[in-house]
Protein backbone atom coordinates (compact mmCIF):
# COMPACT_ATOMS: atom_id res chain seq x y z
CA MET A 1 0.00 0.00 0.00
CA LEU A 2 2.73 2.50 0.93
CA THR A 3 4.69 1.56 -2.18
CA GLY A 4 1.74 2.51 -4.38
CA LEU A 5 1.24 5.75 -2.48
CA ALA A 6 4.95 6.54 -2.72
CA ARG A 7 4.97 5.88 -6.46
CA THR A 8 1.92 8.10 -6.95
CA LEU A 9 3.49 10.90 -4.90
CA GLU A 10 6.83 10.69 -6.68
CA GLN A 11 5.15 10.83 -10.10
CA SER A 12 2.82 13.69 -9.21
CA SER A 13 2.99 17.20 -10.59
CA LEU A 14 3.53 18.35 -7.01
CA ALA A 15 6.76 16.34 -6.78
CA SER A 16 7.88 17.74 -10.13
CA TRP A 17 7.18 21.28 -8.94
CA VAL A 18 9.05 20.74 -5.65
CA ASN A 19 12.05 19.41 -7.60
CA SER A 20 11.80 22.16 -10.21
CA SER A 21 14.26 24.51 -8.54
CA ALA A 22 16.38 25.05 -5.49
CA LEU A 23 14.34 28.18 -4.78
CA VAL A 24 11.09 26.20 -4.47
CA LEU A 25 12.79 23.60 -2.29
CA GLY A 26 14.39 26.27 -0.11
CA LEU A 27 11.16 28.22 0.24
CA LEU A 28 9.22 25.11 1.25
CA SER A 29 11.96 24.14 3.71
CA GLY A 30 11.89 27.61 5.24
CA VAL A 31 8.12 27.63 5.64
CA HIS A 32 8.31 24.09 7.08
CA LEU A 33 10.79 25.30 9.70
CA ILE A 34 8.65 28.34 10.52
CA GLY A 35 5.67 26.04 11.07
CA PHE A 36 7.69 23.75 13.28
CA ALA A 37 9.09 26.74 15.19
CA MET A 38 5.48 27.76 15.89
CA VAL A 39 4.78 24.24 17.18
CA VAL A 40 7.86 24.10 19.38
CA GLY A 41 7.42 27.66 20.65
CA ALA A 42 3.80 27.06 21.56
CA ALA A 43 4.59 23.69 23.11
CA LEU A 44 7.38 25.26 25.16
CA VAL A 45 5.16 28.07 26.47
CA SER A 46 2.45 25.53 27.27
CA ALA A 47 4.94 23.24 29.00
CA LEU A 48 6.46 26.09 31.00
CA HIS A 49 2.99 26.97 32.20
CA MET A 50 2.14 23.34 32.95
CA VAL A 51 5.21 22.89 35.14
CA GLY A 52 4.48 26.18 36.91
CA LEU A 53 7.18 28.42 35.43
CA ALA A 54 5.11 30.74 33.21
CA PHE A 55 1.75 32.50 33.52
CA ALA A 56 1.12 30.95 36.91
CA ASP A 57 -1.49 33.65 37.61
CA ARG A 58 -3.61 32.56 34.61
CA PRO A 59 -6.02 29.62 34.49
CA SER A 60 -4.47 26.59 32.81
CA ARG A 61 -7.39 26.11 30.43
CA GLU A 62 -6.97 29.68 29.18
CA VAL A 63 -3.22 29.42 28.64
CA THR A 64 -3.31 26.01 26.97
CA ARG A 65 -6.24 27.05 24.74
CA VAL A 66 -4.55 30.22 23.50
CA VAL A 67 -1.16 28.58 23.05
CA GLY A 68 -2.79 25.54 21.48
CA SER A 69 -4.19 27.66 18.65
CA GLY A 70 -0.67 28.63 17.59
CA LEU A 71 0.53 25.07 17.97
CA TRP A 72 -2.18 23.60 15.75
CA LEU A 73 -1.68 26.31 13.11
CA GLY A 74 2.06 25.61 13.09
CA LEU A 75 1.39 21.89 12.87
CA LEU A 76 -0.91 22.40 9.88
CA VAL A 77 1.81 24.44 8.12
CA SER A 78 4.46 21.83 8.96
CA LEU A 79 2.35 18.88 7.86
CA THR A 80 1.43 20.53 4.57
CA THR A 81 4.95 21.62 3.67
CA GLY A 82 6.42 18.37 5.01
CA ALA A 83 4.21 16.32 2.70
CA MET A 84 5.26 18.54 -0.19
CA LEU A 85 8.95 18.19 0.67
CA VAL A 86 8.72 14.40 0.94
CA SER A 87 6.74 13.94 -2.28
CA PRO A 88 9.73 13.72 -4.66
CA ARG A 89 11.43 11.07 -2.49
CA ALA A 90 8.45 9.40 -0.85
CA GLN A 91 9.66 5.81 -1.27
CA SER A 92 13.06 6.47 0.30
CA ALA A 93 11.34 8.38 3.13
CA PHE A 94 8.84 5.57 3.75
CA ASP A 95 11.68 3.04 3.79
CA ASN A 96 13.76 5.08 6.25
CA TRP A 97 13.43 4.01 9.90
CA ILE A 98 14.28 7.51 11.14
CA PHE A 99 11.41 8.97 9.12
CA ALA A 100 9.13 6.26 10.51
CA MET A 101 10.20 7.18 14.06
CA LYS A 102 9.55 10.85 13.31
CA MET A 103 6.02 10.03 12.17
CA ILE A 104 5.42 7.90 15.29
CA PHE A 105 6.69 10.69 17.55
CA LEU A 106 4.57 13.20 15.62
CA ALA A 107 1.42 11.14 16.04
CA ALA A 108 2.16 10.59 19.74
CA ALA A 109 2.90 14.29 20.33
CA ALA A 110 -0.28 15.40 18.55
CA LEU A 111 -2.38 12.90 20.53
CA ALA A 112 -0.72 13.96 23.78
CA GLN A 113 -1.37 17.59 22.91
CA LEU A 114 -5.05 16.82 22.41
CA ALA A 115 -5.21 15.66 26.03
CA VAL A 116 -3.67 18.84 27.46
CA GLY A 117 -7.06 20.53 27.92
CA ARG A 118 -8.25 17.68 30.11
CA PHE A 119 -5.24 18.03 32.41
CA ALA A 120 -5.61 21.83 32.39
CA ALA A 121 -9.19 21.51 33.63
CA LYS A 122 -8.01 19.26 36.47
CA ALA A 123 -5.26 21.73 37.34
CA ASP A 124 -7.77 24.57 37.50
CA ALA A 125 -9.70 22.40 39.94
CA GLY A 126 -6.59 22.05 42.13
CA SER A 127 -4.84 18.91 40.85
CA LEU A 128 -1.48 20.18 39.54
CA LEU A 129 0.67 17.04 39.44
CA PRO A 130 -1.01 15.46 36.37
CA LEU A 131 -0.67 18.73 34.43
CA ARG A 132 2.98 19.11 35.38
CA THR A 133 3.71 15.53 34.41
CA TRP A 134 1.89 15.97 31.11
CA GLY A 135 3.93 19.11 30.43
CA VAL A 136 7.10 17.04 30.59
CA VAL A 137 5.56 14.32 28.40
CA THR A 138 4.42 16.68 25.64
CA THR A 139 7.70 18.60 25.63
CA THR A 140 9.68 15.38 25.36
CA LEU A 141 7.55 14.16 22.46
CA TRP A 142 7.80 17.43 20.50
CA LEU A 143 11.55 17.46 21.10
CA ALA A 144 11.72 13.89 19.75
CA VAL A 145 9.85 15.02 16.61
CA GLY A 146 12.38 17.79 16.02
CA LEU A 147 15.43 15.66 16.70
CA SER A 148 14.24 12.79 14.52
CA GLY A 149 13.40 15.27 11.75
CA ALA A 150 16.90 16.73 11.93
CA ALA A 151 18.41 13.23 11.97
CA PHE A 152 16.36 12.28 8.90
CA ILE A 153 17.67 15.30 6.98
CA LEU A 154 21.27 14.84 8.07
CA LEU A 155 21.49 11.07 7.70
CA GLU A 156 19.36 10.52 4.60
């Protein structure tokens, strides 16, 4: 199934456009990094709040909701540009264990981020330990996404 998808992606007009010039590739890479910087920045602010180091005077649901908006926007940008960047070399990416780990970490981080609101509500009710623990979990997962992405680029 992935082989067919990879072949379709590699033969698409999108893949041809991405490979058409270094400028296109560089522009997509830059936008991809901006999107991921939005994700990491938002995740860091959220995590700092969750462990009690930032915006301690604000309700957790408020902070995580506002910060979450930036995170999800950055993730949308990163996913879109990432798919475009991978399209010309989809088969080699799908066959690469580092890329597979990045996708696993990405899925885990996104799912963990979805649960942040639940822990924020508990923290606003007085139960801080679960929120603080979850702050460490989400930060670790987003860091793993970034490190595995960098490893994929450097070691491909």
